[in-house]
Amino acid sequence: MDKKRFHFYYGIVLTLVGIGVFYRIPQVMPQVETIEFFRQKIGVVKASFYILGGLLVMFGVIRMYKNFK
């Protein structure tokens, strides 16, 4: 597999993982809220997960876009 094709598929994987993070956040947050340390900081934890998912999707799309450029 050549390098260009590998970068394209890597971009697809990054994008799908980012979408998976968005899908899992509502399912995992009730479990995180049961941890005493995170109970007061649940907004920061949610924001962190959403930022992580957004960055994964963004960098995956950028990698796929650069492949066609």
Protein backbone atom coordinates (compact mmCIF):
# COMPACT_ATOMS: atom_id res chain seq x y z
CA MET A 1 0.00 0.00 0.00
CA ASP A 2 1.46 3.33 -1.01
CA LYS A 3 1.78 6.25 1.38
CA LYS A 4 -0.97 8.36 -0.19
CA ARG A 5 -3.57 5.61 0.14
CA PHE A 6 -2.48 4.89 3.71
CA HIS A 7 -2.96 8.56 4.67
CA PHE A 8 -6.43 8.54 3.13
CA TYR A 9 -7.50 5.45 5.07
CA TYR A 10 -5.93 6.86 8.22
CA GLY A 11 -8.09 9.96 7.76
CA ILE A 12 -11.17 7.77 7.46
CA VAL A 13 -10.25 5.95 10.67
CA LEU A 14 -9.69 9.22 12.54
CA THR A 15 -13.07 10.53 11.39
CA LEU A 16 -14.89 7.36 12.38
CA VAL A 17 -13.23 7.29 15.81
CA GLY A 18 -14.27 10.92 16.34
CA ILE A 19 -17.87 10.08 15.44
CA GLY A 20 -17.66 7.12 17.81
CA VAL A 21 -16.58 9.44 20.62
CA PHE A 22 -19.65 11.62 19.99
CA TYR A 23 -21.83 8.51 20.03
CA ARG A 24 -20.38 7.19 23.31
CA ILE A 25 -20.42 10.40 25.37
CA PRO A 26 -24.11 10.17 26.42
CA GLN A 27 -23.66 6.51 27.35
CA VAL A 28 -20.50 6.99 29.43
CA MET A 29 -21.38 10.20 31.28
CA PRO A 30 -23.74 8.54 33.81
CA GLN A 31 -20.90 6.18 34.75
CA VAL A 32 -18.46 9.07 35.09
CA GLU A 33 -20.92 10.97 37.29
CA THR A 34 -20.82 8.13 39.82
CA ILE A 35 -17.13 8.85 40.47
CA GLU A 36 -16.98 11.28 43.38
CA PHE A 37 -13.98 13.24 42.03
CA PHE A 38 -15.68 14.04 38.71
CA ARG A 39 -19.13 14.84 40.11
CA GLN A 40 -18.31 18.53 40.61
CA LYS A 41 -16.39 18.78 37.34
CA ILE A 42 -18.79 17.00 34.98
CA GLY A 43 -19.05 20.02 32.66
CA VAL A 44 -15.29 20.08 32.16
CA VAL A 45 -15.24 16.34 31.49
CA LYS A 46 -18.04 16.60 28.91
CA ALA A 47 -16.36 19.55 27.22
CA SER A 48 -13.08 17.64 27.08
CA PHE A 49 -14.70 14.64 25.43
CA TYR A 50 -16.55 16.81 22.90
CA ILE A 51 -13.34 18.70 22.08
CA LEU A 52 -11.51 15.39 21.64
CA GLY A 53 -14.20 14.09 19.29
CA GLY A 54 -14.25 17.34 17.33
CA LEU A 55 -10.49 17.33 16.92
CA LEU A 56 -10.48 13.73 15.74
CA VAL A 57 -13.15 14.43 13.13
CA MET A 58 -11.46 17.66 12.05
CA PHE A 59 -8.02 16.12 11.61
CA GLY A 60 -9.47 13.09 9.84
CA VAL A 61 -11.27 15.31 7.33
CA ILE A 62 -8.16 17.45 6.87
CA ARG A 63 -6.07 14.34 6.18
CA MET A 64 -8.59 13.08 3.61
CA TYR A 65 -8.85 16.54 2.00
CA LYS A 66 -5.07 16.85 1.66
CA ASN A 67 -5.03 13.49 -0.08
CA PHE A 68 -7.11 14.84 -2.96
CA LYS A 69 -5.37 18.20 -3.15
